[in-house]
Amino acid sequence: MKPDNILIKDNNKTCKLSDFGSAFPLEDNSITELLISRYYRPPEIIIGLPYNTQVDMWSFGCTMFELYTGKFLFDGRDNN
């Protein structure tokens, strides 16, 4: 999840999550360094370790920080 995937209606009473394009069953996951946008990419994906649903909690934490502070948690110019 990232701020780009949070949709809020004009009345601020409805919130939806969108764009689950890379969602798939956990048993079908493969190790790839390009999974998840680079600003929300957890350490285990960056260094190529097996991962599970905890990667979603990492990106959720990054998103909550950014929504609360209005600042980027990790600023990156490229995938490295």
C-alpha atoms as a PDB file:
ATOM      1  CA  MET A   1       0.000   0.000   0.000  1.00  0.00           C
ATOM      2  CA  LYS A   2       1.097   3.534  -0.722  1.00  0.00           C
ATOM      3  CA  PRO A   3      -0.620   6.935  -0.671  1.00  0.00           C
ATOM      4  CA  ASP A   4      -1.269   6.689  -4.421  1.00  0.00           C
ATOM      5  CA  ASN A   5      -3.543   3.709  -3.728  1.00  0.00           C
ATOM      6  CA  ILE A   6      -5.763   5.401  -1.139  1.00  0.00           C
ATOM      7  CA  LEU A   7      -8.895   6.974  -2.583  1.00  0.00           C
ATOM      8  CA  ILE A   8     -10.981   9.345  -0.466  1.00  0.00           C
ATOM      9  CA  LYS A   9     -14.312  10.787  -1.619  1.00  0.00           C
ATOM     10  CA  ASP A  10     -14.946  14.532  -1.558  1.00  0.00           C
ATOM     11  CA  ASN A  11     -17.071  14.214   1.585  1.00  0.00           C
ATOM     12  CA  ASN A  12     -14.109  12.586   3.462  1.00  0.00           C
ATOM     13  CA  LYS A  13     -16.449   9.835   4.677  1.00  0.00           C
ATOM     14  CA  THR A  14     -15.506   7.084   2.251  1.00  0.00           C
ATOM     15  CA  CYS A  15     -12.046   5.598   1.831  1.00  0.00           C
ATOM     16  CA  LYS A  16     -11.125   2.834  -0.608  1.00  0.00           C
ATOM     17  CA  LEU A  17      -7.906   0.992  -1.365  1.00  0.00           C
ATOM     18  CA  SER A  18      -7.095   0.370  -5.023  1.00  0.00           C
ATOM     19  CA  ASP A  19      -4.583  -1.199  -7.398  1.00  0.00           C
ATOM     20  CA  PHE A  20      -3.840  -4.694  -6.147  1.00  0.00           C
ATOM     21  CA  GLY A  21      -2.028  -5.506  -9.401  1.00  0.00           C
ATOM     22  CA  SER A  22       0.792  -7.497  -7.791  1.00  0.00           C
ATOM     23  CA  ALA A  23      -1.418  -9.298  -5.270  1.00  0.00           C
ATOM     24  CA  PHE A  24      -1.210 -13.085  -5.426  1.00  0.00           C
ATOM     25  CA  PRO A  25      -1.402 -16.076  -3.085  1.00  0.00           C
ATOM     26  CA  LEU A  26       1.531 -16.226  -0.671  1.00  0.00           C
ATOM     27  CA  GLU A  27       2.534 -19.709  -1.825  1.00  0.00           C
ATOM     28  CA  ASP A  28       2.989 -18.357  -5.377  1.00  0.00           C
ATOM     29  CA  ASN A  29       5.454 -15.608  -4.425  1.00  0.00           C
ATOM     30  CA  SER A  30       8.852 -15.353  -6.057  1.00  0.00           C
ATOM     31  CA  ILE A  31      11.920 -13.454  -4.949  1.00  0.00           C
ATOM     32  CA  THR A  32      12.303 -10.282  -6.983  1.00  0.00           C
ATOM     33  CA  GLU A  33      13.875  -6.964  -6.067  1.00  0.00           C
ATOM     34  CA  LEU A  34      11.329  -4.990  -8.087  1.00  0.00           C
ATOM     35  CA  LEU A  35       8.269  -5.968  -6.059  1.00  0.00           C
ATOM     36  CA  ILE A  36       6.650  -2.966  -4.366  1.00  0.00           C
ATOM     37  CA  SER A  37       7.443   0.665  -5.223  1.00  0.00           C
ATOM     38  CA  ARG A  38      10.983   1.523  -4.130  1.00  0.00           C
ATOM     39  CA  TYR A  39       9.927   4.056  -1.479  1.00  0.00           C
ATOM     40  CA  TYR A  40       7.903   1.383   0.341  1.00  0.00           C
ATOM     41  CA  ARG A  41      10.101  -1.653  -0.326  1.00  0.00           C
ATOM     42  CA  PRO A  42      10.940  -3.643   2.828  1.00  0.00           C
ATOM     43  CA  PRO A  43      14.481  -4.820   3.679  1.00  0.00           C
ATOM     44  CA  GLU A  44      13.825  -8.509   2.937  1.00  0.00           C
ATOM     45  CA  ILE A  45      12.879  -7.720  -0.660  1.00  0.00           C
ATOM     46  CA  ILE A  46      15.808  -5.339  -1.131  1.00  0.00           C
ATOM     47  CA  ILE A  47      18.347  -8.004  -0.078  1.00  0.00           C
ATOM     48  CA  GLY A  48      16.530 -10.889  -1.796  1.00  0.00           C
ATOM     49  CA  LEU A  49      15.289 -12.884   1.204  1.00  0.00           C
ATOM     50  CA  PRO A  50      12.044 -14.865   1.222  1.00  0.00           C
ATOM     51  CA  TYR A  51       9.105 -12.707   2.255  1.00  0.00           C
ATOM     52  CA  ASN A  52       5.529 -13.035   3.441  1.00  0.00           C
ATOM     53  CA  THR A  53       2.576 -10.796   4.283  1.00  0.00           C
ATOM     54  CA  GLN A  54       4.720  -8.727   6.670  1.00  0.00           C
ATOM     55  CA  VAL A  55       5.928  -6.730   3.643  1.00  0.00           C
ATOM     56  CA  ASP A  56       2.438  -5.204   3.561  1.00  0.00           C
ATOM     57  CA  MET A  57       2.806  -4.054   7.160  1.00  0.00           C
ATOM     58  CA  TRP A  58       6.115  -2.385   6.274  1.00  0.00           C
ATOM     59  CA  SER A  59       4.557  -0.417   3.420  1.00  0.00           C
ATOM     60  CA  PHE A  60       1.546   0.386   5.617  1.00  0.00           C
ATOM     61  CA  GLY A  61       3.886   1.796   8.290  1.00  0.00           C
ATOM     62  CA  CYS A  62       5.727   3.910   5.701  1.00  0.00           C
ATOM     63  CA  THR A  63       2.406   5.202   4.400  1.00  0.00           C
ATOM     64  CA  MET A  64       1.109   6.056   7.876  1.00  0.00           C
ATOM     65  CA  PHE A  65       4.327   7.970   8.644  1.00  0.00           C
ATOM     66  CA  GLU A  66       3.983   9.974   5.439  1.00  0.00           C
ATOM     67  CA  LEU A  67       0.306  10.730   5.984  1.00  0.00           C
ATOM     68  CA  TYR A  68       0.986  11.850   9.567  1.00  0.00           C
ATOM     69  CA  THR A  69       4.102  13.954   8.941  1.00  0.00           C
ATOM     70  CA  GLY A  70       3.599  15.045   5.327  1.00  0.00           C
ATOM     71  CA  LYS A  71       7.200  13.991   4.624  1.00  0.00           C
ATOM     72  CA  PHE A  72       8.757  11.090   2.724  1.00  0.00           C
ATOM     73  CA  LEU A  73      10.179   8.435   5.025  1.00  0.00           C
ATOM     74  CA  PHE A  74      12.700   7.211   2.445  1.00  0.00           C
ATOM     75  CA  ASP A  75      13.700   9.349  -0.512  1.00  0.00           C
ATOM     76  CA  GLY A  76      15.215   7.456  -3.425  1.00  0.00           C
ATOM     77  CA  ARG A  77      16.442   8.423  -6.851  1.00  0.00           C
ATOM     78  CA  ASP A  78      16.647   4.914  -8.285  1.00  0.00           C
ATOM     79  CA  ASN A  79      16.146   1.251  -7.391  1.00  0.00           C
ATOM     80  CA  ASN A  80      19.582   1.005  -5.805  1.00  0.00           C
END
